Protein backbone atom coordinates (compact mmCIF):
# COMPACT_ATOMS: atom_id res chain seq x y z
CA UNK A 1 14.28 35.41 26.14
CA UNK A 2 15.44 36.42 22.48
CA UNK A 3 16.61 33.04 21.82
CA UNK A 4 13.31 31.76 22.53
CA UNK A 5 11.22 34.06 20.14
CA UNK A 6 13.73 33.47 17.38
CA UNK A 7 13.82 29.56 18.15
CA UNK A 8 9.67 29.93 17.79
CA UNK A 9 9.90 31.87 14.77
CA UNK A 10 11.78 29.10 12.99
CA UNK A 11 9.27 26.85 14.06
CA UNK A 12 6.82 28.64 13.02
CA UNK A 13 8.44 29.24 9.51
CA UNK A 14 9.43 25.65 9.16
CA UNK A 15 5.67 24.42 9.74
CA UNK A 16 4.34 27.20 7.26
CA UNK A 17 6.52 25.79 4.98
CA UNK A 18 5.78 22.15 5.16
CA UNK A 19 2.07 23.42 5.16
CA UNK A 20 2.36 24.72 1.68
CA UNK A 21 4.46 22.39 0.33
CA UNK A 22 2.04 19.37 1.43
CA UNK A 23 -0.93 21.46 -0.11
CA UNK A 24 0.99 21.65 -3.68
CA UNK A 25 1.04 17.89 -3.38
CA UNK A 26 -2.43 17.57 -2.38
CA UNK A 27 -3.77 19.36 -4.92
CA UNK A 28 -1.59 16.97 -7.62
CA UNK A 29 -2.80 14.21 -6.01
CA UNK A 30 -6.74 15.33 -5.73
CA UNK A 31 -6.93 16.16 -9.61
CA UNK A 32 -5.25 12.93 -10.44
CA UNK A 33 -7.53 10.83 -7.81
CA UNK A 34 -10.48 12.58 -8.82
CA UNK A 35 -9.47 11.79 -12.87
CA UNK A 36 -8.68 8.30 -11.89
CA UNK A 37 -12.77 8.52 -9.92
CA UNK A 38 -14.34 9.81 -13.31
CA UNK A 39 -12.96 6.89 -15.17
CA UNK A 40 -14.11 4.45 -12.90
CA UNK A 41 -17.37 6.08 -12.88
CA UNK A 42 -17.60 4.92 -16.53
CA UNK A 43 -16.58 1.25 -16.70
CA UNK A 44 -18.70 -0.68 -18.91
CA UNK A 45 -19.46 1.88 -21.20
CA UNK A 46 -18.77 0.95 -24.70
CA UNK A 47 -16.15 1.88 -27.15
CA UNK A 48 -17.44 4.94 -29.93
CA UNK A 49 -14.36 5.62 -32.16
CA UNK A 50 -14.39 9.65 -31.74
CA UNK A 51 -16.44 8.89 -28.54
CA UNK A 52 -15.89 11.80 -25.72
CA UNK A 53 -18.75 10.97 -23.78
CA UNK A 54 -20.50 8.80 -21.42
CA UNK A 55 -22.58 7.57 -24.59
CA UNK A 56 -19.79 6.08 -25.86
CA UNK A 57 -15.64 6.61 -25.22
CA UNK A 58 -12.70 6.03 -27.56
CA UNK A 59 -9.05 5.22 -25.15
CA UNK A 60 -8.46 9.47 -25.69
CA UNK A 61 -11.69 10.38 -25.38
CA UNK A 62 -11.80 8.94 -22.30
CA UNK A 63 -8.40 10.32 -20.87
CA UNK A 64 -9.50 13.86 -22.09
CA UNK A 65 -12.68 13.51 -20.33
CA UNK A 66 -11.80 12.46 -17.00
CA UNK A 67 -9.24 14.97 -16.90
CA UNK A 68 -11.21 17.82 -18.39
CA UNK A 69 -13.31 17.18 -15.58
CA UNK A 70 -11.15 18.27 -12.91
CA UNK A 71 -10.44 21.43 -14.64
CA UNK A 72 -7.19 20.15 -17.21
CA UNK A 73 -7.52 20.38 -20.83
CA UNK A 74 -5.80 17.96 -22.97
CA UNK A 75 -5.67 17.62 -26.60
CA UNK A 76 -8.04 15.20 -27.94
CA UNK A 77 -5.79 12.66 -29.72
CA UNK A 78 -3.29 10.01 -27.53
CA UNK A 79 -0.48 11.04 -30.38
CA UNK A 80 -1.13 15.02 -29.46
CA UNK A 81 -1.29 14.08 -25.73
CA UNK A 82 1.92 12.49 -26.12
CA UNK A 83 3.72 15.54 -26.59
CA UNK A 84 2.48 16.94 -23.46
CA UNK A 85 3.04 16.50 -19.15
CA UNK A 86 6.55 15.21 -17.89
CA UNK A 87 8.30 12.05 -19.12
CA UNK A 88 8.37 9.57 -15.97
CA UNK A 89 10.26 6.23 -15.80
CA UNK A 90 7.93 5.08 -12.43
CA UNK A 91 4.44 5.00 -12.61
CA UNK A 92 2.21 6.70 -10.23
CA UNK A 93 -1.44 7.14 -9.65
CA UNK A 94 -3.00 9.24 -12.73
CA UNK A 95 0.21 8.85 -14.92
CA UNK A 96 -1.00 8.85 -18.54
CA UNK A 97 0.45 5.56 -20.28
CA UNK A 98 0.74 5.38 -23.85
CA UNK A 99 0.86 2.32 -26.46
CA UNK A 100 1.97 1.95 -30.60
CA UNK A 101 2.53 -0.61 -32.58
CA UNK A 102 5.68 -0.41 -32.47
CA UNK A 103 8.12 1.09 -30.63
CA UNK A 104 9.30 3.28 -33.54
CA UNK A 105 5.50 4.50 -34.11
CA UNK A 106 3.44 7.50 -32.60
CA UNK A 107 1.29 6.33 -30.26
CA UNK A 108 -2.43 5.36 -30.75
CA UNK A 109 -3.72 4.34 -27.51
CA UNK A 110 -3.86 6.14 -24.17
CA UNK A 111 -4.69 4.94 -20.79
CA UNK A 112 -4.48 6.22 -17.13
CA UNK A 113 -2.30 4.20 -14.73
CA UNK A 114 -4.83 3.67 -11.78
CA UNK A 115 -1.86 1.85 -9.33
CA UNK A 116 -1.31 -2.01 -8.16
CA UNK A 117 -0.02 -2.24 -11.78
CA UNK A 118 -3.17 -1.69 -13.38
CA UNK A 119 -5.12 1.17 -15.94
CA UNK A 120 -8.05 2.04 -16.97
CA UNK A 121 -8.60 2.37 -20.72
CA UNK A 122 -10.99 2.44 -23.20
CA UNK A 123 -10.34 -0.74 -25.95
CA UNK A 124 -12.48 -1.62 -28.84
CA UNK A 125 -13.10 -5.20 -27.18
CA UNK A 126 -14.08 -4.10 -23.89
CA UNK A 127 -15.07 -0.51 -24.12
CA UNK A 128 -13.77 1.54 -20.43
CA UNK A 129 -12.34 -1.43 -18.55
CA UNK A 130 -8.98 -2.42 -16.61
CA UNK A 131 -6.05 -4.43 -17.91
CA UNK A 132 -2.54 -5.19 -16.36
CA UNK A 133 0.65 -3.50 -17.03
CA UNK A 134 1.63 -7.31 -17.99
CA UNK A 135 -0.85 -7.68 -20.34
CA UNK A 136 0.17 -9.64 -22.84
CA UNK A 137 -1.23 -7.73 -25.81
CA UNK A 138 -0.57 -4.14 -24.10
CA UNK A 139 2.96 -5.08 -22.47
CA UNK A 140 5.02 -4.91 -26.04
CA UNK A 141 3.50 -1.65 -27.23
CA UNK A 142 3.98 0.28 -24.38
CA UNK A 143 5.91 3.33 -25.43
CA UNK A 144 6.09 5.18 -21.86
CA UNK A 145 4.36 7.56 -19.66
CA UNK A 146 3.61 11.27 -18.85
CA UNK A 147 2.64 12.86 -15.51
CA UNK A 148 0.24 15.69 -16.36
């Protein structure tokens, strides 16, 4: 009888730990997914240098706005954002991708990875739009990613 009680308690504890771990993963996935959804809802919005609102976004303005809607406060510029978060080599949805004119310089562009080798960003030529990670313009400028 005691053995059954101990086994039952161990099962409950194990189950509780698993639920707690899943809640943590769900929260992270949720705010990343929601930030992506916010950015996607602004597809087609024109580029505006210094823009931080749906009337016009620059790259960091879009990222700051999308994550801000999820309660995550980010700095204003791509260079300052690059100092935050955890550096990652394998991209997951919601990771911030950073680009620089050359590998030695500071980042001047930021985007949100959306999966399937695509990111969403605000570019001066297309406004809020998607681009492929293999894009011939952006790929050589990529300097790394951070997970917020």
